Amino acid sequence: MKYLVIISVLFFSACEFSSRQYVDLKFEISLLKGRIDSLKQELDDLKFGAKNLLKEAKLYETANNFIRAKTVLVDLISKYPDSKEYNSAISFLKIISPKAETQLFFNAEKSKNLELLKAYTSEYPKGKYYIKATGLIRNQQVKNNSITEAPKITTYQSVKKITYQEKQSNKSPGERIGAICCDGTRSYATGRGACSHHGGVCKWLYQ
């Protein structure tokens, strides 16, 4: 009976050890498989990466997306300096760069997008549109400030008092909700007597 117990303990210990070994081995195989896949991807990149990027840049050029074509070429040149496509990419970049600069500037100018204009001046500090771009940036900043800061009327003399006929012609469709008085104050009165102590009504407000 004593020997049977010992044999049983040894058997279950061996089973537990084998199970642990199996789990560890399976985990190692999984790690090796991941490493093999990673190395295969690296090999594919080294073999075809530069070629694929050059092809992609040409496709963007055909689609007249010179900005994107330039980005792809710069990526190719930085990643694959030893590739046979490297010299072709350098030559292609010289052709694409002026087109990309012009495209970026005109996109920014057309959209009046402040961030795009700043992106142009940042990327092309010596570009042929740099002076014009900085002028547009200043104009846009002034315009944005004037929108956020509404002008204030501080004196009676700074506002031209309008006649009764002008007041009538300024009427807009909709419900009247108040008026701007000629001394610059706001009145919520909607009828006769509005702004009576503030220089009269300079503009009726409608909803």
N, C-alpha and C. Protein backbone atom coordinates (compact mmCIF):
# COMPACT_ATOMS: atom_id res chain seq x y z
N MET A 1 0.84 -1.21 0.00
CA MET A 1 0.00 0.00 0.00
C MET A 1 0.87 1.25 0.00
N LYS A 2 1.96 1.22 0.77
CA LYS A 2 2.87 2.36 0.86
C LYS A 2 3.47 2.67 -0.50
N TYR A 3 3.88 1.60 -1.21
CA TYR A 3 4.49 1.79 -2.52
C TYR A 3 3.50 2.31 -3.53
N LEU A 4 2.24 1.90 -3.41
CA LEU A 4 1.19 2.37 -4.33
C LEU A 4 0.97 3.87 -4.20
N VAL A 5 1.02 4.36 -2.96
CA VAL A 5 0.87 5.80 -2.70
C VAL A 5 2.02 6.57 -3.33
N ILE A 6 3.23 6.05 -3.15
CA ILE A 6 4.42 6.73 -3.71
C ILE A 6 4.34 6.79 -5.23
N ILE A 7 3.95 5.66 -5.84
CA ILE A 7 3.83 5.59 -7.31
C ILE A 7 2.78 6.58 -7.80
N SER A 8 1.67 6.67 -7.06
CA SER A 8 0.58 7.59 -7.45
C SER A 8 1.06 9.04 -7.40
N VAL A 9 1.80 9.38 -6.31
CA VAL A 9 2.32 10.75 -6.16
C VAL A 9 3.26 11.09 -7.30
N LEU A 10 4.17 10.12 -7.63
CA LEU A 10 5.12 10.35 -8.72
C LEU A 10 4.42 10.50 -10.06
N PHE A 11 3.36 9.72 -10.26
CA PHE A 11 2.61 9.77 -11.53
C PHE A 11 1.94 11.13 -11.72
N PHE A 12 1.25 11.59 -10.66
CA PHE A 12 0.56 12.89 -10.76
C PHE A 12 1.54 14.06 -10.87
N SER A 13 2.69 13.92 -10.20
CA SER A 13 3.71 14.97 -10.29
C SER A 13 4.25 15.06 -11.71
N ALA A 14 4.45 13.90 -12.32
CA ALA A 14 4.95 13.86 -13.70
C ALA A 14 3.93 14.46 -14.66
N CYS A 15 2.66 14.16 -14.41
CA CYS A 15 1.59 14.71 -15.27
C CYS A 15 1.55 16.23 -15.16
N GLU A 16 1.67 16.74 -13.91
CA GLU A 16 1.63 18.18 -13.68
C GLU A 16 2.82 18.86 -14.35
N PHE A 17 4.00 18.21 -14.24
CA PHE A 17 5.21 18.76 -14.85
C PHE A 17 5.08 18.80 -16.36
N SER A 18 4.55 17.71 -16.93
CA SER A 18 4.36 17.63 -18.39
C SER A 18 3.38 18.70 -18.86
N SER A 19 2.34 18.93 -18.09
CA SER A 19 1.35 19.95 -18.44
C SER A 19 1.98 21.34 -18.45
N ARG A 20 2.81 21.62 -17.43
CA ARG A 20 3.50 22.91 -17.35
C ARG A 20 4.45 23.08 -18.53
N GLN A 21 5.15 22.00 -18.85
CA GLN A 21 6.09 22.05 -19.97
C GLN A 21 5.35 22.35 -21.28
N TYR A 22 4.20 21.73 -21.42
CA TYR A 22 3.41 21.91 -22.65
C TYR A 22 2.97 23.38 -22.81
N VAL A 23 2.50 23.97 -21.70
CA VAL A 23 2.06 25.37 -21.73
C VAL A 23 3.23 26.30 -22.07
N ASP A 24 4.38 26.04 -21.42
CA ASP A 24 5.56 26.87 -21.66
C ASP A 24 6.03 26.74 -23.11
N LEU A 25 6.01 25.51 -23.62
CA LEU A 25 6.45 25.27 -24.99
C LEU A 25 5.52 25.94 -25.99
N LYS A 26 4.23 25.87 -25.71
CA LYS A 26 3.24 26.50 -26.59
C LYS A 26 3.44 28.02 -26.63
N PHE A 27 3.75 28.60 -25.47
CA PHE A 27 3.98 30.05 -25.38
C PHE A 27 5.23 30.45 -26.17
N GLU A 28 6.30 29.63 -26.05
CA GLU A 28 7.53 29.91 -26.78
C GLU A 28 7.31 29.82 -28.29
N ILE A 29 6.55 28.83 -28.71
CA ILE A 29 6.23 28.68 -30.14
C ILE A 29 5.48 29.91 -30.66
N SER A 30 4.53 30.41 -29.83
CA SER A 30 3.76 31.60 -30.20
C SER A 30 4.68 32.82 -30.36
N LEU A 31 5.64 32.98 -29.44
CA LEU A 31 6.60 34.08 -29.52
C LEU A 31 7.46 33.98 -30.77
N LEU A 32 7.92 32.76 -31.06
CA LEU A 32 8.75 32.54 -32.24
C LEU A 32 7.98 32.83 -33.53
N LYS A 33 6.72 32.44 -33.54
CA LYS A 33 5.89 32.68 -34.73
C LYS A 33 5.72 34.19 -34.96
N GLY A 34 5.50 34.92 -33.85
CA GLY A 34 5.37 36.37 -33.97
C GLY A 34 6.64 37.01 -34.47
N ARG A 35 7.79 36.51 -33.99
CA ARG A 35 9.08 37.04 -34.42
C ARG A 35 9.33 36.75 -35.90
N ILE A 36 8.96 35.54 -36.34
CA ILE A 36 9.11 35.17 -37.75
C ILE A 36 8.27 36.07 -38.64
N ASP A 37 7.04 36.33 -38.22
CA ASP A 37 6.15 37.22 -39.00
C ASP A 37 6.73 38.63 -39.08
N SER A 38 7.29 39.08 -37.95
CA SER A 38 7.89 40.42 -37.91
C SER A 38 9.10 40.51 -38.84
N LEU A 39 9.95 39.47 -38.82
CA LEU A 39 11.13 39.44 -39.70
C LEU A 39 10.72 39.37 -41.16
N LYS A 40 9.67 38.62 -41.43
CA LYS A 40 9.17 38.51 -42.81
C LYS A 40 8.68 39.87 -43.32
N GLN A 41 7.99 40.61 -42.44
CA GLN A 41 7.50 41.94 -42.80
C GLN A 41 8.67 42.90 -43.05
N GLU A 42 9.70 42.79 -42.18
CA GLU A 42 10.89 43.63 -42.36
C GLU A 42 11.59 43.31 -43.68
N LEU A 43 11.65 42.02 -44.00
CA LEU A 43 12.28 41.60 -45.26
C LEU A 43 11.50 42.11 -46.46
N ASP A 44 10.17 42.03 -46.38
CA ASP A 44 9.32 42.54 -47.47
C ASP A 44 9.49 44.05 -47.64
N ASP A 45 9.60 44.74 -46.50
CA ASP A 45 9.79 46.19 -46.55
C ASP A 45 11.12 46.55 -47.21
N LEU A 46 12.16 45.79 -46.83
CA LEU A 46 13.47 46.06 -47.42
C LEU A 46 13.49 45.74 -48.91
N LYS A 47 12.74 44.72 -49.29
CA LYS A 47 12.75 44.29 -50.69
C LYS A 47 11.82 45.11 -51.56
N PHE A 48 10.64 45.45 -51.03
CA PHE A 48 9.62 46.11 -51.86
C PHE A 48 9.21 47.50 -51.35
N GLY A 49 9.63 47.86 -50.13
CA GLY A 49 9.15 49.11 -49.54
C GLY A 49 9.44 50.34 -50.38
N ALA A 50 10.69 50.51 -50.78
CA ALA A 50 11.08 51.68 -51.58
C ALA A 50 10.37 51.67 -52.93
N LYS A 51 10.29 50.49 -53.52
CA LYS A 51 9.63 50.36 -54.83
C LYS A 51 8.16 50.73 -54.74
N ASN A 52 7.50 50.26 -53.69
CA ASN A 52 6.07 50.56 -53.50
C ASN A 52 5.83 52.05 -53.23
N LEU A 53 6.73 52.65 -52.44
CA LEU A 53 6.58 54.07 -52.14
C LEU A 53 6.78 54.93 -53.38
N LEU A 54 7.75 54.58 -54.20
CA LEU A 54 7.97 55.33 -55.45
C LEU A 54 6.75 55.22 -56.37
N LYS A 55 6.20 54.02 -56.43
CA LYS A 55 5.00 53.81 -57.23
C LYS A 55 3.83 54.63 -56.69
N GLU A 56 3.70 54.67 -55.36
CA GLU A 56 2.63 55.43 -54.71
C GLU A 56 2.76 56.92 -55.00
N ALA A 57 4.00 57.43 -54.94
CA ALA A 57 4.25 58.85 -55.22
C ALA A 57 3.83 59.21 -56.65
N LYS A 58 4.12 58.32 -57.59
CA LYS A 58 3.76 58.57 -59.00
C LYS A 58 2.24 58.56 -59.18
N LEU A 59 1.56 57.70 -58.42
CA LEU A 59 0.10 57.67 -58.49
C LEU A 59 -0.50 58.98 -57.97
N TYR A 60 0.08 59.51 -56.88
CA TYR A 60 -0.39 60.78 -56.34
C TYR A 60 -0.12 61.92 -57.33
N GLU A 61 1.02 61.86 -58.02
CA GLU A 61 1.32 62.89 -59.01
C GLU A 61 0.29 62.85 -60.14
N THR A 62 -0.06 61.66 -60.59
CA THR A 62 -1.05 61.51 -61.65
C THR A 62 -2.40 62.08 -61.23
N ALA A 63 -2.70 61.95 -59.93
CA ALA A 63 -3.96 62.48 -59.39
C ALA A 63 -3.86 63.97 -59.04
N ASN A 64 -2.71 64.59 -59.37
CA ASN A 64 -2.47 66.02 -59.07
C ASN A 64 -2.46 66.33 -57.58
N ASN A 65 -2.15 65.32 -56.78
CA ASN A 65 -2.00 65.54 -55.34
C ASN A 65 -0.50 65.64 -55.05
N PHE A 66 0.07 66.80 -55.36
CA PHE A 66 1.52 66.98 -55.27
C PHE A 66 2.00 67.03 -53.82
N ILE A 67 1.13 67.52 -52.94
CA ILE A 67 1.51 67.59 -51.52
C ILE A 67 1.74 66.19 -50.97
N ARG A 68 0.81 65.29 -51.26
CA ARG A 68 0.94 63.92 -50.77
C ARG A 68 2.09 63.19 -51.45
N ALA A 69 2.29 63.44 -52.73
CA ALA A 69 3.41 62.82 -53.47
C ALA A 69 4.74 63.21 -52.84
N LYS A 70 4.87 64.48 -52.47
CA LYS A 70 6.10 64.94 -51.84
C LYS A 70 6.32 64.25 -50.50
N THR A 71 5.27 64.12 -49.70
CA THR A 71 5.36 63.46 -48.39
C THR A 71 5.86 62.03 -48.53
N VAL A 72 5.32 61.30 -49.52
CA VAL A 72 5.72 59.91 -49.75
C VAL A 72 7.18 59.82 -50.18
N LEU A 73 7.61 60.74 -51.03
CA LEU A 73 9.00 60.74 -51.50
C LEU A 73 9.98 61.02 -50.36
N VAL A 74 9.63 61.97 -49.51
CA VAL A 74 10.46 62.29 -48.35
C VAL A 74 10.57 61.07 -47.44
N ASP A 75 9.46 60.36 -47.28
CA ASP A 75 9.43 59.15 -46.46
C ASP A 75 10.36 58.09 -47.05
N LEU A 76 10.29 57.90 -48.36
CA LEU A 76 11.15 56.92 -49.06
C LEU A 76 12.63 57.26 -48.86
N ILE A 77 12.98 58.53 -49.06
CA ILE A 77 14.38 58.96 -48.98
C ILE A 77 14.94 58.77 -47.56
N SER A 78 14.11 59.05 -46.55
CA SER A 78 14.58 58.92 -45.17
C SER A 78 14.67 57.45 -44.73
N LYS A 79 13.77 56.60 -45.24
CA LYS A 79 13.73 55.20 -44.80
C LYS A 79 14.68 54.29 -45.57
N TYR A 80 14.87 54.58 -46.86
CA TYR A 80 15.62 53.66 -47.71
C TYR A 80 16.76 54.37 -48.46
N PRO A 81 17.74 54.90 -47.73
CA PRO A 81 18.84 55.62 -48.37
C PRO A 81 19.75 54.71 -49.21
N ASP A 82 19.69 53.40 -48.95
CA ASP A 82 20.55 52.46 -49.69
C ASP A 82 19.82 51.74 -50.82
N SER A 83 18.58 52.09 -51.05
CA SER A 83 17.80 51.41 -52.08
C SER A 83 18.16 51.92 -53.47
N LYS A 84 17.86 51.12 -54.47
CA LYS A 84 18.13 51.55 -55.85
C LYS A 84 17.13 52.61 -56.31
N GLU A 85 16.02 52.76 -55.56
CA GLU A 85 15.03 53.79 -55.90
C GLU A 85 15.40 55.16 -55.32
N TYR A 86 16.43 55.20 -54.49
CA TYR A 86 16.80 56.43 -53.78
C TYR A 86 17.08 57.59 -54.74
N ASN A 87 17.94 57.37 -55.73
CA ASN A 87 18.30 58.45 -56.66
C ASN A 87 17.09 58.90 -57.50
N SER A 88 16.25 57.94 -57.87
CA SER A 88 15.04 58.29 -58.62
C SER A 88 14.12 59.16 -57.77
N ALA A 89 14.04 58.83 -56.48
CA ALA A 89 13.20 59.60 -55.57
C ALA A 89 13.73 61.03 -55.41
N ILE A 90 15.05 61.18 -55.32
CA ILE A 90 15.66 62.50 -55.20
C ILE A 90 15.32 63.36 -56.42
N SER A 91 15.49 62.79 -57.61
CA SER A 91 15.19 63.51 -58.85
C SER A 91 13.71 63.87 -58.95
N PHE A 92 12.87 62.93 -58.57
CA PHE A 92 11.43 63.13 -58.62
C PHE A 92 11.01 64.21 -57.64
N LEU A 93 11.64 64.23 -56.48
CA LEU A 93 11.31 65.21 -55.45
C LEU A 93 11.60 66.64 -55.93
N LYS A 94 12.69 66.81 -56.69
CA LYS A 94 13.03 68.14 -57.22
C LYS A 94 11.95 68.66 -58.16
N ILE A 95 11.29 67.75 -58.86
CA ILE A 95 10.21 68.14 -59.78
C ILE A 95 8.93 68.43 -59.01
N ILE A 96 8.67 67.60 -58.00
CA ILE A 96 7.40 67.67 -57.26
C ILE A 96 7.38 68.85 -56.28
N SER A 97 8.49 69.16 -55.64
CA SER A 97 8.51 70.16 -54.57
C SER A 97 7.91 71.51 -54.95
N PRO A 98 8.28 72.13 -56.09
CA PRO A 98 7.66 73.42 -56.44
C PRO A 98 6.15 73.31 -56.64
N LYS A 99 5.71 72.20 -57.20
CA LYS A 99 4.27 72.00 -57.41
C LYS A 99 3.55 71.84 -56.07
N ALA A 100 4.20 71.12 -55.15
CA ALA A 100 3.61 70.92 -53.82
C ALA A 100 3.53 72.24 -53.07
N GLU A 101 4.56 73.08 -53.21
CA GLU A 101 4.55 74.38 -52.54
C GLU A 101 3.40 75.25 -53.05
N THR A 102 3.28 75.32 -54.39
CA THR A 102 2.21 76.12 -54.99
C THR A 102 0.84 75.61 -54.58
N GLN A 103 0.69 74.29 -54.58
CA GLN A 103 -0.60 73.70 -54.23
C GLN A 103 -0.97 73.99 -52.78
N LEU A 104 0.00 73.87 -51.89
CA LEU A 104 -0.27 74.14 -50.47
C LEU A 104 -0.66 75.60 -50.26
N PHE A 105 0.06 76.51 -50.91
CA PHE A 105 -0.25 77.92 -50.73
C PHE A 105 -1.64 78.27 -51.26
N PHE A 106 -1.94 77.83 -52.48
CA PHE A 106 -3.24 78.18 -53.07
C PHE A 106 -4.41 77.52 -52.32
N ASN A 107 -4.18 76.32 -51.79
CA ASN A 107 -5.21 75.70 -50.95
C ASN A 107 -5.47 76.54 -49.71
N ALA A 108 -4.38 77.02 -49.10
CA ALA A 108 -4.51 77.84 -47.89
C ALA A 108 -5.15 79.18 -48.21
N GLU A 109 -4.75 79.79 -49.32
CA GLU A 109 -5.29 81.09 -49.71
C GLU A 109 -6.78 81.00 -50.03
N LYS A 110 -7.15 79.95 -50.74
CA LYS A 110 -8.55 79.78 -51.14
C LYS A 110 -9.45 79.52 -49.93
N SER A 111 -8.97 78.69 -49.01
CA SER A 111 -9.78 78.34 -47.84
C SER A 111 -9.74 79.40 -46.75
N LYS A 112 -8.73 80.32 -46.85
CA LYS A 112 -8.52 81.34 -45.80
C LYS A 112 -8.32 80.69 -44.43
N ASN A 113 -7.75 79.49 -44.46
CA ASN A 113 -7.52 78.73 -43.23
C ASN A 113 -6.21 79.17 -42.59
N LEU A 114 -6.29 79.72 -41.40
CA LEU A 114 -5.12 80.26 -40.72
C LEU A 114 -4.07 79.19 -40.46
N GLU A 115 -4.51 77.99 -40.07
CA GLU A 115 -3.56 76.91 -39.78
C GLU A 115 -2.83 76.45 -41.03
N LEU A 116 -3.53 76.41 -42.17
CA LEU A 116 -2.88 76.04 -43.42
C LEU A 116 -1.85 77.08 -43.85
N LEU A 117 -2.20 78.35 -43.67
CA LEU A 117 -1.26 79.42 -43.99
C LEU A 117 -0.01 79.32 -43.13
N LYS A 118 -0.20 79.04 -41.85
CA LYS A 118 0.94 78.89 -40.94
C LYS A 118 1.77 77.66 -41.32
N ALA A 119 1.08 76.59 -41.76
CA ALA A 119 1.79 75.39 -42.19
C ALA A 119 2.68 75.69 -43.39
N TYR A 120 2.16 76.53 -44.30
CA TYR A 120 2.96 76.90 -45.47
C TYR A 120 4.21 77.68 -45.04
N THR A 121 4.05 78.71 -44.21
CA THR A 121 5.19 79.53 -43.80
C THR A 121 6.20 78.71 -43.00
N SER A 122 5.71 77.71 -42.26
CA SER A 122 6.61 76.86 -41.48
C SER A 122 7.42 75.93 -42.38
N GLU A 123 6.77 75.38 -43.42
CA GLU A 123 7.45 74.44 -44.31
C GLU A 123 8.30 75.13 -45.36
N TYR A 124 7.89 76.34 -45.74
CA TYR A 124 8.63 77.06 -46.79
C TYR A 124 9.03 78.46 -46.30
N PRO A 125 9.95 78.55 -45.34
CA PRO A 125 10.34 79.86 -44.79
C PRO A 125 11.03 80.76 -45.83
N LYS A 126 11.50 80.16 -46.93
CA LYS A 126 12.10 80.93 -48.02
C LYS A 126 11.32 80.74 -49.32
N GLY A 127 10.07 80.34 -49.18
CA GLY A 127 9.24 80.07 -50.35
C GLY A 127 8.86 81.32 -51.12
N LYS A 128 8.45 81.13 -52.36
CA LYS A 128 8.14 82.31 -53.21
C LYS A 128 6.82 82.97 -52.82
N TYR A 129 6.00 82.30 -52.01
CA TYR A 129 4.74 82.91 -51.56
C TYR A 129 4.80 83.32 -50.09
N TYR A 130 5.99 83.26 -49.50
CA TYR A 130 6.12 83.49 -48.05
C TYR A 130 5.61 84.87 -47.63
N ILE A 131 6.02 85.90 -48.33
CA ILE A 131 5.62 87.27 -47.96
C ILE A 131 4.10 87.43 -48.08
N LYS A 132 3.55 86.90 -49.17
CA LYS A 132 2.09 86.99 -49.35
C LYS A 132 1.36 86.20 -48.27
N ALA A 133 1.91 85.04 -47.91
CA ALA A 133 1.28 84.19 -46.88
C ALA A 133 1.29 84.88 -45.52
N THR A 134 2.40 85.52 -45.17
CA THR A 134 2.46 86.21 -43.88
C THR A 134 1.49 87.39 -43.84
N GLY A 135 1.32 88.06 -44.99
CA GLY A 135 0.33 89.14 -45.06
C GLY A 135 -1.08 88.63 -44.86
N LEU A 136 -1.38 87.49 -45.47
CA LEU A 136 -2.72 86.89 -45.31
C LEU A 136 -2.95 86.44 -43.87
N ILE A 137 -1.88 85.96 -43.23
CA ILE A 137 -2.00 85.55 -41.82
C ILE A 137 -2.35 86.75 -40.95
N ARG A 138 -1.64 87.87 -41.17
CA ARG A 138 -1.92 89.08 -40.39
C ARG A 138 -3.36 89.56 -40.61
N ASN A 139 -3.79 89.58 -41.87
CA ASN A 139 -5.15 90.02 -42.19
C ASN A 139 -6.19 89.13 -41.53
N GLN A 140 -5.94 87.82 -41.57
CA GLN A 140 -6.89 86.88 -40.98
C GLN A 140 -6.94 87.02 -39.47
N GLN A 141 -5.79 87.28 -38.85
CA GLN A 141 -5.76 87.47 -37.39
C GLN A 141 -6.51 88.73 -36.99
N VAL A 142 -6.33 89.80 -37.77
CA VAL A 142 -7.05 91.05 -37.50
C VAL A 142 -8.56 90.83 -37.66
N LYS A 143 -8.92 90.10 -38.71
CA LYS A 143 -10.34 89.82 -38.96
C LYS A 143 -10.93 88.99 -37.82
N ASN A 144 -10.20 87.98 -37.38
CA ASN A 144 -10.69 87.13 -36.28
C ASN A 144 -10.85 87.93 -34.99
N ASN A 145 -9.92 88.84 -34.74
CA ASN A 145 -10.01 89.69 -33.53
C ASN A 145 -11.20 90.64 -33.60
N SER A 146 -11.46 91.15 -34.81
CA SER A 146 -12.58 92.09 -34.95
C SER A 146 -13.93 91.40 -34.80
N ILE A 147 -13.95 90.10 -35.10
CA ILE A 147 -15.20 89.33 -34.93
C ILE A 147 -15.44 89.05 -33.46
N THR A 148 -14.37 88.68 -32.74
CA THR A 148 -14.53 88.33 -31.33
C THR A 148 -14.74 89.56 -30.45
N GLU A 149 -14.20 90.72 -30.89
CA GLU A 149 -14.35 91.94 -30.11
C GLU A 149 -15.26 92.91 -30.86
N ALA A 150 -16.54 92.92 -30.53
CA ALA A 150 -17.51 93.79 -31.20
C ALA A 150 -17.19 95.25 -30.86
N PRO A 151 -17.29 96.14 -31.83
CA PRO A 151 -17.00 97.56 -31.56
C PRO A 151 -18.00 98.16 -30.59
N LYS A 152 -17.51 99.02 -29.70
CA LYS A 152 -18.37 99.66 -28.71
C LYS A 152 -18.54 101.14 -29.03
N ILE A 153 -19.77 101.63 -28.92
CA ILE A 153 -20.05 103.05 -29.13
C ILE A 153 -19.99 103.74 -27.77
N THR A 154 -19.09 104.67 -27.64
CA THR A 154 -18.88 105.27 -26.32
C THR A 154 -19.40 106.70 -26.21
N THR A 155 -19.53 107.38 -27.32
CA THR A 155 -19.97 108.78 -27.24
C THR A 155 -21.13 109.04 -28.17
N TYR A 156 -21.90 110.02 -27.77
CA TYR A 156 -23.05 110.42 -28.58
C TYR A 156 -22.59 110.98 -29.93
N GLN A 157 -21.46 111.71 -29.92
CA GLN A 157 -20.98 112.33 -31.15
C GLN A 157 -20.50 111.32 -32.18
N SER A 158 -20.14 110.09 -31.73
CA SER A 158 -19.59 109.12 -32.66
C SER A 158 -20.66 108.44 -33.50
N VAL A 159 -21.95 108.69 -33.21
CA VAL A 159 -23.04 108.07 -33.95
C VAL A 159 -23.87 109.12 -34.65
N LYS A 160 -24.15 108.88 -35.91
CA LYS A 160 -24.99 109.81 -36.65
C LYS A 160 -26.45 109.54 -36.30
N LYS A 161 -27.15 110.56 -35.88
CA LYS A 161 -28.57 110.41 -35.55
C LYS A 161 -29.38 110.32 -36.83
N ILE A 162 -30.25 109.35 -36.88
CA ILE A 162 -31.00 109.15 -38.12
C ILE A 162 -32.36 109.81 -38.02
N THR A 163 -32.91 110.09 -39.19
CA THR A 163 -34.22 110.75 -39.26
C THR A 163 -35.33 109.73 -39.09
N TYR A 164 -36.56 110.26 -38.93
CA TYR A 164 -37.71 109.37 -38.78
C TYR A 164 -37.87 108.50 -40.02
N GLN A 165 -37.65 109.10 -41.22
CA GLN A 165 -37.80 108.34 -42.46
C GLN A 165 -36.77 107.21 -42.54
N GLU A 166 -35.53 107.49 -42.08
CA GLU A 166 -34.50 106.46 -42.09
C GLU A 166 -34.83 105.33 -41.12
N LYS A 167 -35.40 105.72 -39.98
CA LYS A 167 -35.81 104.71 -39.01
C LYS A 167 -36.84 103.78 -39.63
N GLN A 168 -37.79 104.39 -40.36
CA GLN A 168 -38.84 103.59 -40.97
C GLN A 168 -38.28 102.66 -42.04
N SER A 169 -37.30 103.16 -42.81
CA SER A 169 -36.74 102.36 -43.89
C SER A 169 -35.86 101.22 -43.37
N ASN A 170 -35.39 101.35 -42.12
CA ASN A 170 -34.53 100.33 -41.52
C ASN A 170 -35.31 99.17 -40.93
N LYS A 171 -36.62 99.24 -40.96
CA LYS A 171 -37.43 98.19 -40.37
C LYS A 171 -37.18 96.86 -41.09
N SER A 172 -37.08 95.81 -40.34
CA SER A 172 -36.88 94.48 -40.90
C SER A 172 -38.07 93.61 -40.56
N PRO A 173 -38.35 92.60 -41.36
CA PRO A 173 -39.45 91.69 -41.03
C PRO A 173 -39.14 90.91 -39.77
N GLY A 174 -40.14 90.56 -39.01
CA GLY A 174 -39.95 89.82 -37.77
C GLY A 174 -40.37 90.64 -36.57
N GLU A 175 -40.26 90.05 -35.40
CA GLU A 175 -40.71 90.70 -34.18
C GLU A 175 -39.63 91.65 -33.64
N ARG A 176 -40.03 92.88 -33.32
CA ARG A 176 -39.10 93.86 -32.78
C ARG A 176 -38.80 93.50 -31.32
N ILE A 177 -37.50 93.48 -30.98
CA ILE A 177 -37.12 93.06 -29.62
C ILE A 177 -36.36 94.15 -28.86
N GLY A 178 -36.17 95.31 -29.47
CA GLY A 178 -35.46 96.37 -28.78
C GLY A 178 -34.81 97.32 -29.76
N ALA A 179 -33.86 98.12 -29.25
CA ALA A 179 -33.21 99.10 -30.10
C ALA A 179 -31.81 99.42 -29.60
N ILE A 180 -30.98 99.94 -30.53
CA ILE A 180 -29.68 100.50 -30.18
C ILE A 180 -29.85 102.02 -30.14
N CYS A 181 -29.59 102.61 -28.99
CA CYS A 181 -29.76 104.06 -28.85
C CYS A 181 -28.54 104.79 -29.43
N CYS A 182 -28.76 106.08 -29.72
CA CYS A 182 -27.72 106.85 -30.36
C CYS A 182 -26.56 107.21 -29.43
N ASP A 183 -26.68 106.90 -28.14
CA ASP A 183 -25.53 107.11 -27.25
C ASP A 183 -24.79 105.80 -27.00
N GLY A 184 -25.19 104.77 -27.76
CA GLY A 184 -24.50 103.49 -27.67
C GLY A 184 -25.11 102.50 -26.73
N THR A 185 -26.14 102.86 -25.98
CA THR A 185 -26.77 101.94 -25.02
C THR A 185 -27.81 101.09 -25.73
N ARG A 186 -28.20 100.01 -25.04
CA ARG A 186 -29.22 99.10 -25.57
C ARG A 186 -30.52 99.31 -24.83
N SER A 187 -31.62 99.40 -25.58
CA SER A 187 -32.95 99.53 -24.97
C SER A 187 -33.78 98.32 -25.34
N TYR A 188 -34.58 97.83 -24.39
CA TYR A 188 -35.46 96.71 -24.65
C TYR A 188 -36.89 97.16 -24.95
N ALA A 189 -37.09 98.48 -24.97
CA ALA A 189 -38.40 99.01 -25.35
C ALA A 189 -38.62 98.81 -26.85
N THR A 190 -39.86 98.56 -27.24
CA THR A 190 -40.13 98.26 -28.65
C THR A 190 -41.08 99.27 -29.30
N GLY A 191 -41.43 100.29 -28.59
CA GLY A 191 -42.38 101.26 -29.16
C GLY A 191 -41.91 102.69 -28.95
N ARG A 192 -42.87 103.63 -29.05
CA ARG A 192 -42.54 105.04 -28.86
C ARG A 192 -42.01 105.26 -27.45
N GLY A 193 -40.99 106.10 -27.33
CA GLY A 193 -40.40 106.36 -26.04
C GLY A 193 -39.10 105.60 -25.82
N ALA A 194 -38.83 104.63 -26.70
CA ALA A 194 -37.56 103.90 -26.58
C ALA A 194 -36.40 104.86 -26.79
N CYS A 195 -35.40 104.79 -25.96
CA CYS A 195 -34.20 105.63 -26.06
C CYS A 195 -34.52 107.12 -25.91
N SER A 196 -35.62 107.44 -25.23
CA SER A 196 -36.03 108.84 -25.14
C SER A 196 -35.02 109.70 -24.38
N HIS A 197 -34.26 109.10 -23.48
CA HIS A 197 -33.26 109.85 -22.74
C HIS A 197 -31.83 109.45 -23.14
N HIS A 198 -31.72 108.81 -24.30
CA HIS A 198 -30.40 108.33 -24.76
C HIS A 198 -30.11 108.73 -26.20
N GLY A 199 -30.64 109.89 -26.59
CA GLY A 199 -30.33 110.39 -27.94
C GLY A 199 -31.23 109.86 -29.04
N GLY A 200 -32.26 109.11 -28.68
CA GLY A 200 -33.16 108.57 -29.69
C GLY A 200 -32.69 107.21 -30.21
N VAL A 201 -33.51 106.60 -31.08
CA VAL A 201 -33.21 105.27 -31.63
C VAL A 201 -32.34 105.42 -32.88
N CYS A 202 -31.23 104.73 -32.87
CA CYS A 202 -30.38 104.70 -34.07
C CYS A 202 -30.63 103.43 -34.88
N LYS A 203 -31.08 102.34 -34.24
CA LYS A 203 -31.36 101.13 -34.97
C LYS A 203 -32.31 100.24 -34.18
N TRP A 204 -33.38 99.81 -34.85
CA TRP A 204 -34.29 98.86 -34.23
C TRP A 204 -33.72 97.47 -34.38
N LEU A 205 -33.96 96.64 -33.37
CA LEU A 205 -33.49 95.25 -33.39
C LEU A 205 -34.69 94.33 -33.57
N TYR A 206 -34.51 93.34 -34.45
CA TYR A 206 -35.59 92.39 -34.75
C TYR A 206 -35.11 90.96 -34.51
N GLN A 207 -36.06 90.11 -34.20
CA GLN A 207 -35.73 88.71 -33.92
C GLN A 207 -35.75 87.93 -35.22
